[in-house]
Amino acid sequence: MKLSEFILLGEVEKQHTVLHRGVLVAKRTEETSLVFLFHLGGYYVETWCSLANRSVTEYRVFDGTAPLEPYLKEISLQHLLN
């Protein structure tokens, strides 16, 4: 599925697509949200979930690497140095 096709999906279809076609890459916690990063073909989808009620509040879609920055600091490279 192309990025442009994903953007046009409704909320239910986006959730189904992310959960059944996406590959979970990472997760992180923000102030009021738990953010899951999925890889879906040639692009990424961040699924923002409320910490209060665990509902999805937003999908952020991107195909560049700059938005991956918050996840990179969580990856330990120590085992590669030994």
PDB file of N, CA and C in Angstrom:
ATOM      1  N   MET A   1       0.833  -1.177   0.000  1.00  0.00           N
ATOM      2  CA  MET A   1       0.000   0.000   0.000  1.00  0.00           C
ATOM      3  C   MET A   1       0.881   1.244   0.000  1.00  0.00           C
ATOM      4  N   LYS A   2       0.552   2.173  -0.868  1.00  0.00           N
ATOM      5  CA  LYS A   2       1.306   3.421  -0.955  1.00  0.00           C
ATOM      6  C   LYS A   2       0.948   4.346   0.200  1.00  0.00           C
ATOM      7  N   LEU A   3       1.871   5.260   0.503  1.00  0.00           N
ATOM      8  CA  LEU A   3       1.650   6.243   1.554  1.00  0.00           C
ATOM      9  C   LEU A   3       0.390   7.050   1.285  1.00  0.00           C
ATOM     10  N   SER A   4       0.191   7.478   0.060  1.00  0.00           N
ATOM     11  CA  SER A   4      -0.984   8.278  -0.290  1.00  0.00           C
ATOM     12  C   SER A   4      -2.284   7.492  -0.090  1.00  0.00           C
ATOM     13  N   GLU A   5      -2.245   6.190  -0.310  1.00  0.00           N
ATOM     14  CA  GLU A   5      -3.417   5.348  -0.095  1.00  0.00           C
ATOM     15  C   GLU A   5      -3.730   5.222   1.398  1.00  0.00           C
ATOM     16  N   PHE A   6      -2.671   5.093   2.204  1.00  0.00           N
ATOM     17  CA  PHE A   6      -2.866   4.989   3.647  1.00  0.00           C
ATOM     18  C   PHE A   6      -3.504   6.255   4.198  1.00  0.00           C
ATOM     19  N   ILE A   7      -3.041   7.391   3.753  1.00  0.00           N
ATOM     20  CA  ILE A   7      -3.564   8.673   4.236  1.00  0.00           C
ATOM     21  C   ILE A   7      -5.060   8.788   3.991  1.00  0.00           C
ATOM     22  N   LEU A   8      -5.545   8.239   2.895  1.00  0.00           N
ATOM     23  CA  LEU A   8      -6.959   8.347   2.540  1.00  0.00           C
ATOM     24  C   LEU A   8      -7.859   7.365   3.291  1.00  0.00           C
ATOM     25  N   LEU A   9      -7.285   6.410   4.009  1.00  0.00           N
ATOM     26  CA  LEU A   9      -8.082   5.431   4.745  1.00  0.00           C
ATOM     27  C   LEU A   9      -8.803   6.079   5.922  1.00  0.00           C
ATOM     28  N   GLY A  10      -9.914   5.488   6.315  1.00  0.00           N
ATOM     29  CA  GLY A  10     -10.603   5.904   7.534  1.00  0.00           C
ATOM     30  C   GLY A  10      -9.857   5.375   8.751  1.00  0.00           C
ATOM     31  N   GLU A  11     -10.287   5.793   9.926  1.00  0.00           N
ATOM     32  CA  GLU A  11      -9.605   5.404  11.160  1.00  0.00           C
ATOM     33  C   GLU A  11      -9.578   3.890  11.375  1.00  0.00           C
ATOM     34  N   VAL A  12     -10.689   3.223  11.142  1.00  0.00           N
ATOM     35  CA  VAL A  12     -10.754   1.771  11.343  1.00  0.00           C
ATOM     36  C   VAL A  12      -9.829   1.053  10.366  1.00  0.00           C
ATOM     37  N   GLU A  13      -9.821   1.498   9.118  1.00  0.00           N
ATOM     38  CA  GLU A  13      -8.960   0.882   8.115  1.00  0.00           C
ATOM     39  C   GLU A  13      -7.485   1.131   8.409  1.00  0.00           C
ATOM     40  N   LYS A  14      -7.160   2.325   8.915  1.00  0.00           N
ATOM     41  CA  LYS A  14      -5.769   2.617   9.286  1.00  0.00           C
ATOM     42  C   LYS A  14      -5.313   1.679  10.396  1.00  0.00           C
ATOM     43  N   GLN A  15      -6.147   1.514  11.406  1.00  0.00           N
ATOM     44  CA  GLN A  15      -5.791   0.642  12.519  1.00  0.00           C
ATOM     45  C   GLN A  15      -5.595  -0.797  12.038  1.00  0.00           C
ATOM     46  N   HIS A  16      -6.489  -1.277  11.229  1.00  0.00           N
ATOM     47  CA  HIS A  16      -6.385  -2.643  10.696  1.00  0.00           C
ATOM     48  C   HIS A  16      -5.118  -2.810   9.866  1.00  0.00           C
ATOM     49  N   THR A  17      -4.824  -1.847   9.016  1.00  0.00           N
ATOM     50  CA  THR A  17      -3.651  -1.908   8.152  1.00  0.00           C
ATOM     51  C   THR A  17      -2.364  -1.920   8.964  1.00  0.00           C
ATOM     52  N   VAL A  18      -2.270  -1.038   9.950  1.00  0.00           N
ATOM     53  CA  VAL A  18      -1.064  -0.967  10.774  1.00  0.00           C
ATOM     54  C   VAL A  18      -0.862  -2.275  11.537  1.00  0.00           C
ATOM     55  N   LEU A  19      -1.923  -2.783  12.120  1.00  0.00           N
ATOM     56  CA  LEU A  19      -1.796  -3.989  12.937  1.00  0.00           C
ATOM     57  C   LEU A  19      -1.560  -5.262  12.129  1.00  0.00           C
ATOM     58  N   HIS A  20      -2.078  -5.317  10.899  1.00  0.00           N
ATOM     59  CA  HIS A  20      -1.970  -6.544  10.118  1.00  0.00           C
ATOM     60  C   HIS A  20      -0.913  -6.508   9.013  1.00  0.00           C
ATOM     61  N   ARG A  21      -0.535  -5.332   8.588  1.00  0.00           N
ATOM     62  CA  ARG A  21       0.483  -5.229   7.527  1.00  0.00           C
ATOM     63  C   ARG A  21       1.775  -4.587   8.003  1.00  0.00           C
ATOM     64  N   GLY A  22       1.686  -3.819   9.075  1.00  0.00           N
ATOM     65  CA  GLY A  22       2.860  -3.102   9.563  1.00  0.00           C
ATOM     66  C   GLY A  22       3.776  -3.976  10.396  1.00  0.00           C
ATOM     67  N   VAL A  23       5.036  -3.563  10.467  1.00  0.00           N
ATOM     68  CA  VAL A  23       6.030  -4.228  11.306  1.00  0.00           C
ATOM     69  C   VAL A  23       6.394  -3.260  12.425  1.00  0.00           C
ATOM     70  N   LEU A  24       6.142  -3.675  13.656  1.00  0.00           N
ATOM     71  CA  LEU A  24       6.471  -2.825  14.800  1.00  0.00           C
ATOM     72  C   LEU A  24       7.983  -2.688  14.902  1.00  0.00           C
ATOM     73  N   VAL A  25       8.455  -1.451  14.876  1.00  0.00           N
ATOM     74  CA  VAL A  25       9.893  -1.183  14.910  1.00  0.00           C
ATOM     75  C   VAL A  25      10.329  -0.745  16.297  1.00  0.00           C
ATOM     76  N   ALA A  26       9.543   0.117  16.926  1.00  0.00           N
ATOM     77  CA  ALA A  26       9.932   0.667  18.228  1.00  0.00           C
ATOM     78  C   ALA A  26       8.720   1.283  18.902  1.00  0.00           C
ATOM     79  N   LYS A  27       8.915   1.626  20.171  1.00  0.00           N
ATOM     80  CA  LYS A  27       7.897   2.384  20.879  1.00  0.00           C
ATOM     81  C   LYS A  27       8.590   3.338  21.835  1.00  0.00           C
ATOM     82  N   ARG A  28       7.881   4.389  22.178  1.00  0.00           N
ATOM     83  CA  ARG A  28       8.419   5.376  23.111  1.00  0.00           C
ATOM     84  C   ARG A  28       7.262   6.011  23.860  1.00  0.00           C
ATOM     85  N   THR A  29       7.589   6.673  24.954  1.00  0.00           N
ATOM     86  CA  THR A  29       6.574   7.332  25.758  1.00  0.00           C
ATOM     87  C   THR A  29       6.786   8.833  25.704  1.00  0.00           C
ATOM     88  N   GLU A  30       5.725   9.544  25.448  1.00  0.00           N
ATOM     89  CA  GLU A  30       5.704  11.007  25.519  1.00  0.00           C
ATOM     90  C   GLU A  30       4.906  11.385  26.773  1.00  0.00           C
ATOM     91  N   GLU A  31       4.682  12.671  26.996  1.00  0.00           N
ATOM     92  CA  GLU A  31       3.999  13.123  28.216  1.00  0.00           C
ATOM     93  C   GLU A  31       2.671  12.421  28.451  1.00  0.00           C
ATOM     94  N   THR A  32       1.804  12.416  27.462  1.00  0.00           N
ATOM     95  CA  THR A  32       0.465  11.848  27.634  1.00  0.00           C
ATOM     96  C   THR A  32       0.174  10.726  26.641  1.00  0.00           C
ATOM     97  N   SER A  33       1.204  10.275  25.932  1.00  0.00           N
ATOM     98  CA  SER A  33       0.980   9.282  24.882  1.00  0.00           C
ATOM     99  C   SER A  33       2.036   8.190  24.868  1.00  0.00           C
ATOM    100  N   LEU A  34       1.619   7.041  24.401  1.00  0.00           N
ATOM    101  CA  LEU A  34       2.514   5.951  24.062  1.00  0.00           C
ATOM    102  C   LEU A  34       2.532   5.921  22.540  1.00  0.00           C
ATOM    103  N   VAL A  35       3.732   5.978  21.951  1.00  0.00           N
ATOM    104  CA  VAL A  35       3.863   6.089  20.504  1.00  0.00           C
ATOM    105  C   VAL A  35       4.517   4.820  19.960  1.00  0.00           C
ATOM    106  N   PHE A  36       3.820   4.171  19.035  1.00  0.00           N
ATOM    107  CA  PHE A  36       4.330   2.969  18.390  1.00  0.00           C
ATOM    108  C   PHE A  36       4.759   3.319  16.977  1.00  0.00           C
ATOM    109  N   LEU A  37       5.951   2.894  16.590  1.00  0.00           N
ATOM    110  CA  LEU A  37       6.467   3.131  15.246  1.00  0.00           C
ATOM    111  C   LEU A  37       6.367   1.843  14.438  1.00  0.00           C
ATOM    112  N   PHE A  38       5.636   1.913  13.334  1.00  0.00           N
ATOM    113  CA  PHE A  38       5.487   0.775  12.432  1.00  0.00           C
ATOM    114  C   PHE A  38       6.120   1.097  11.087  1.00  0.00           C
ATOM    115  N   HIS A  39       6.721   0.094  10.465  1.00  0.00           N
ATOM    116  CA  HIS A  39       7.210   0.213   9.093  1.00  0.00           C
ATOM    117  C   HIS A  39       6.177  -0.453   8.210  1.00  0.00           C
ATOM    118  N   LEU A  40       5.785   0.242   7.158  1.00  0.00           N
ATOM    119  CA  LEU A  40       4.737  -0.268   6.276  1.00  0.00           C
ATOM    120  C   LEU A  40       5.171  -0.004   4.846  1.00  0.00           C
ATOM    121  N   GLY A  41       5.843  -0.981   4.252  1.00  0.00           N
ATOM    122  CA  GLY A  41       6.337  -0.790   2.892  1.00  0.00           C
ATOM    123  C   GLY A  41       7.463   0.222   2.884  1.00  0.00           C
ATOM    124  N   GLY A  42       7.307   1.283   2.125  1.00  0.00           N
ATOM    125  CA  GLY A  42       8.352   2.297   2.003  1.00  0.00           C
ATOM    126  C   GLY A  42       8.161   3.508   2.893  1.00  0.00           C
ATOM    127  N   TYR A  43       7.366   3.382   3.939  1.00  0.00           N
ATOM    128  CA  TYR A  43       7.127   4.527   4.823  1.00  0.00           C
ATOM    129  C   TYR A  43       6.884   4.042   6.247  1.00  0.00           C
ATOM    130  N   TYR A  44       6.806   5.001   7.170  1.00  0.00           N
ATOM    131  CA  TYR A  44       6.599   4.709   8.580  1.00  0.00           C
ATOM    132  C   TYR A  44       5.282   5.320   9.043  1.00  0.00           C
ATOM    133  N   VAL A  45       4.685   4.670  10.042  1.00  0.00           N
ATOM    134  CA  VAL A  45       3.468   5.186  10.658  1.00  0.00           C
ATOM    135  C   VAL A  45       3.685   5.206  12.164  1.00  0.00           C
ATOM    136  N   GLU A  46       3.535   6.379  12.758  1.00  0.00           N
ATOM    137  CA  GLU A  46       3.515   6.489  14.205  1.00  0.00           C
ATOM    138  C   GLU A  46       2.057   6.430  14.648  1.00  0.00           C
ATOM    139  N   THR A  47       1.778   5.548  15.583  1.00  0.00           N
ATOM    140  CA  THR A  47       0.445   5.439  16.152  1.00  0.00           C
ATOM    141  C   THR A  47       0.512   5.999  17.562  1.00  0.00           C
ATOM    142  N   TRP A  48      -0.155   7.137  17.784  1.00  0.00           N
ATOM    143  CA  TRP A  48      -0.152   7.813  19.075  1.00  0.00           C
ATOM    144  C   TRP A  48      -1.359   7.341  19.870  1.00  0.00           C
ATOM    145  N   CYS A  49      -1.098   6.787  21.052  1.00  0.00           N
ATOM    146  CA  CYS A  49      -2.160   6.256  21.906  1.00  0.00           C
ATOM    147  C   CYS A  49      -2.165   7.003  23.238  1.00  0.00           C
ATOM    148  N   SER A  50      -3.336   7.342  23.696  1.00  0.00           N
ATOM    149  CA  SER A  50      -3.503   8.025  24.968  1.00  0.00           C
ATOM    150  C   SER A  50      -3.090   7.103  26.110  1.00  0.00           C
ATOM    151  N   LEU A  51      -2.273   7.621  27.024  1.00  0.00           N
ATOM    152  CA  LEU A  51      -1.910   6.843  28.204  1.00  0.00           C
ATOM    153  C   LEU A  51      -3.098   6.701  29.146  1.00  0.00           C
ATOM    154  N   ALA A  52      -4.006   7.661  29.098  1.00  0.00           N
ATOM    155  CA  ALA A  52      -5.167   7.646  29.997  1.00  0.00           C
ATOM    156  C   ALA A  52      -6.147   6.534  29.663  1.00  0.00           C
ATOM    157  N   ASN A  53      -6.439   6.357  28.371  1.00  0.00           N
ATOM    158  CA  ASN A  53      -7.462   5.359  28.019  1.00  0.00           C
ATOM    159  C   ASN A  53      -7.025   4.379  26.923  1.00  0.00           C
ATOM    160  N   ARG A  54      -5.758   4.452  26.509  1.00  0.00           N
ATOM    161  CA  ARG A  54      -5.175   3.529  25.511  1.00  0.00           C
ATOM    162  C   ARG A  54      -5.822   3.597  24.133  1.00  0.00           C
ATOM    163  N   SER A  55      -6.567   4.635  23.853  1.00  0.00           N
ATOM    164  CA  SER A  55      -7.173   4.779  22.525  1.00  0.00           C
ATOM    165  C   SER A  55      -6.203   5.482  21.581  1.00  0.00           C
ATOM    166  N   VAL A  56      -6.323   5.187  20.295  1.00  0.00           N
ATOM    167  CA  VAL A  56      -5.492   5.838  19.288  1.00  0.00           C
ATOM    168  C   VAL A  56      -6.003   7.254  19.088  1.00  0.00           C
ATOM    169  N   THR A  57      -5.111   8.217  19.227  1.00  0.00           N
ATOM    170  CA  THR A  57      -5.491   9.621  19.082  1.00  0.00           C
ATOM    171  C   THR A  57      -5.015  10.227  17.769  1.00  0.00           C
ATOM    172  N   GLU A  58      -3.983   9.599  17.169  1.00  0.00           N
ATOM    173  CA  GLU A  58      -3.428  10.191  15.950  1.00  0.00           C
ATOM    174  C   GLU A  58      -2.534   9.188  15.234  1.00  0.00           C
ATOM    175  N   TYR A  59      -2.510   9.307  13.917  1.00  0.00           N
ATOM    176  CA  TYR A  59      -1.554   8.581  13.080  1.00  0.00           C
ATOM    177  C   TYR A  59      -0.683   9.621  12.392  1.00  0.00           C
ATOM    178  N   ARG A  60       0.620   9.459  12.481  1.00  0.00           N
ATOM    179  CA  ARG A  60       1.558  10.337  11.775  1.00  0.00           C
ATOM    180  C   ARG A  60       2.323   9.472  10.781  1.00  0.00           C
ATOM    181  N   VAL A  61       2.296   9.880   9.528  1.00  0.00           N
ATOM    182  CA  VAL A  61       2.885   9.095   8.447  1.00  0.00           C
ATOM    183  C   VAL A  61       4.041   9.883   7.837  1.00  0.00           C
ATOM    184  N   PHE A  62       5.170   9.204   7.583  1.00  0.00           N
ATOM    185  CA  PHE A  62       6.313   9.879   6.960  1.00  0.00           C
ATOM    186  C   PHE A  62       7.166   8.871   6.218  1.00  0.00           C
ATOM    187  N   ASP A  63       7.934   9.379   5.255  1.00  0.00           N
ATOM    188  CA  ASP A  63       8.815   8.493   4.497  1.00  0.00           C
ATOM    189  C   ASP A  63      10.280   8.893   4.571  1.00  0.00           C
ATOM    190  N   GLY A  64      10.580   9.954   5.267  1.00  0.00           N
ATOM    191  CA  GLY A  64      11.967  10.360   5.452  1.00  0.00           C
ATOM    192  C   GLY A  64      12.539   9.769   6.733  1.00  0.00           C
ATOM    193  N   THR A  65      13.795  10.065   7.008  1.00  0.00           N
ATOM    194  CA  THR A  65      14.430   9.507   8.202  1.00  0.00           C
ATOM    195  C   THR A  65      14.534  10.496   9.362  1.00  0.00           C
ATOM    196  N   ALA A  66      14.354  11.772   9.135  1.00  0.00           N
ATOM    197  CA  ALA A  66      14.474  12.767  10.201  1.00  0.00           C
ATOM    198  C   ALA A  66      13.523  12.491  11.373  1.00  0.00           C
ATOM    199  N   PRO A  67      12.265  12.105  11.135  1.00  0.00           N
ATOM    200  CA  PRO A  67      11.372  11.829  12.270  1.00  0.00           C
ATOM    201  C   PRO A  67      11.739  10.589  13.085  1.00  0.00           C
ATOM    202  N   LEU A  68      12.737   9.831  12.629  1.00  0.00           N
ATOM    203  CA  LEU A  68      13.180   8.655  13.384  1.00  0.00           C
ATOM    204  C   LEU A  68      14.096   9.022  14.547  1.00  0.00           C
ATOM    205  N   GLU A  69      14.543  10.251  14.604  1.00  0.00           N
ATOM    206  CA  GLU A  69      15.498  10.716  15.625  1.00  0.00           C
ATOM    207  C   GLU A  69      15.108  10.332  17.059  1.00  0.00           C
ATOM    208  N   PRO A  70      13.860  10.521  17.487  1.00  0.00           N
ATOM    209  CA  PRO A  70      13.523  10.161  18.881  1.00  0.00           C
ATOM    210  C   PRO A  70      13.732   8.683  19.198  1.00  0.00           C
ATOM    211  N   TYR A  71      13.710   7.839  18.205  1.00  0.00           N
ATOM    212  CA  TYR A  71      13.877   6.403  18.419  1.00  0.00           C
ATOM    213  C   TYR A  71      15.336   5.988  18.459  1.00  0.00           C
ATOM    214  N   LEU A  72      16.184   6.726  17.761  1.00  0.00           N
ATOM    215  CA  LEU A  72      17.589   6.350  17.652  1.00  0.00           C
ATOM    216  C   LEU A  72      18.319   6.398  18.980  1.00  0.00           C
ATOM    217  N   LYS A  73      17.943   7.320  19.846  1.00  0.00           N
ATOM    218  CA  LYS A  73      18.612   7.417  21.144  1.00  0.00           C
ATOM    219  C   LYS A  73      18.288   6.240  22.046  1.00  0.00           C
ATOM    220  N   GLU A  74      17.243   5.489  21.741  1.00  0.00           N
ATOM    221  CA  GLU A  74      16.846   4.325  22.526  1.00  0.00           C
ATOM    222  C   GLU A  74      17.569   3.047  22.105  1.00  0.00           C
ATOM    223  N   ILE A  75      18.266   3.085  20.983  1.00  0.00           N
ATOM    224  CA  ILE A  75      18.937   1.889  20.467  1.00  0.00           C
ATOM    225  C   ILE A  75      20.347   1.809  21.044  1.00  0.00           C
ATOM    226  N   SER A  76      20.611   0.730  21.739  1.00  0.00           N
ATOM    227  CA  SER A  76      21.928   0.529  22.336  1.00  0.00           C
ATOM    228  C   SER A  76      22.859  -0.109  21.302  1.00  0.00           C
ATOM    229  N   LEU A  77      24.022   0.474  21.145  1.00  0.00           N
ATOM    230  CA  LEU A  77      25.035  -0.064  20.234  1.00  0.00           C
ATOM    231  C   LEU A  77      26.186  -0.692  21.008  1.00  0.00           C
ATOM    232  N   GLN A  78      26.060  -0.732  22.326  1.00  0.00           N
ATOM    233  CA  GLN A  78      27.131  -1.237  23.175  1.00  0.00           C
ATOM    234  C   GLN A  78      27.569  -2.645  22.793  1.00  0.00           C
ATOM    235  N   HIS A  79      26.621  -3.517  22.460  1.00  0.00           N
ATOM    236  CA  HIS A  79      26.966  -4.892  22.110  1.00  0.00           C
ATOM    237  C   HIS A  79      27.763  -4.974  20.806  1.00  0.00           C
ATOM    238  N   LEU A  80      27.684  -3.953  19.983  1.00  0.00           N
ATOM    239  CA  LEU A  80      28.468  -3.938  18.743  1.00  0.00           C
ATOM    240  C   LEU A  80      29.911  -3.514  18.978  1.00  0.00           C
ATOM    241  N   LEU A  81      30.147  -2.817  20.082  1.00  0.00           N
ATOM    242  CA  LEU A  81      31.481  -2.327  20.385  1.00  0.00           C
ATOM    243  C   LEU A  81      32.347  -3.360  21.097  1.00  0.00           C
ATOM    244  N   ASN A  82      31.741  -4.389  21.631  1.00  0.00           N
ATOM    245  CA  ASN A  82      32.493  -5.419  22.364  1.00  0.00           C
ATOM    246  C   ASN A  82      32.886  -6.559  21.467  1.00  0.00           C
TER     247      ASN A  82
END
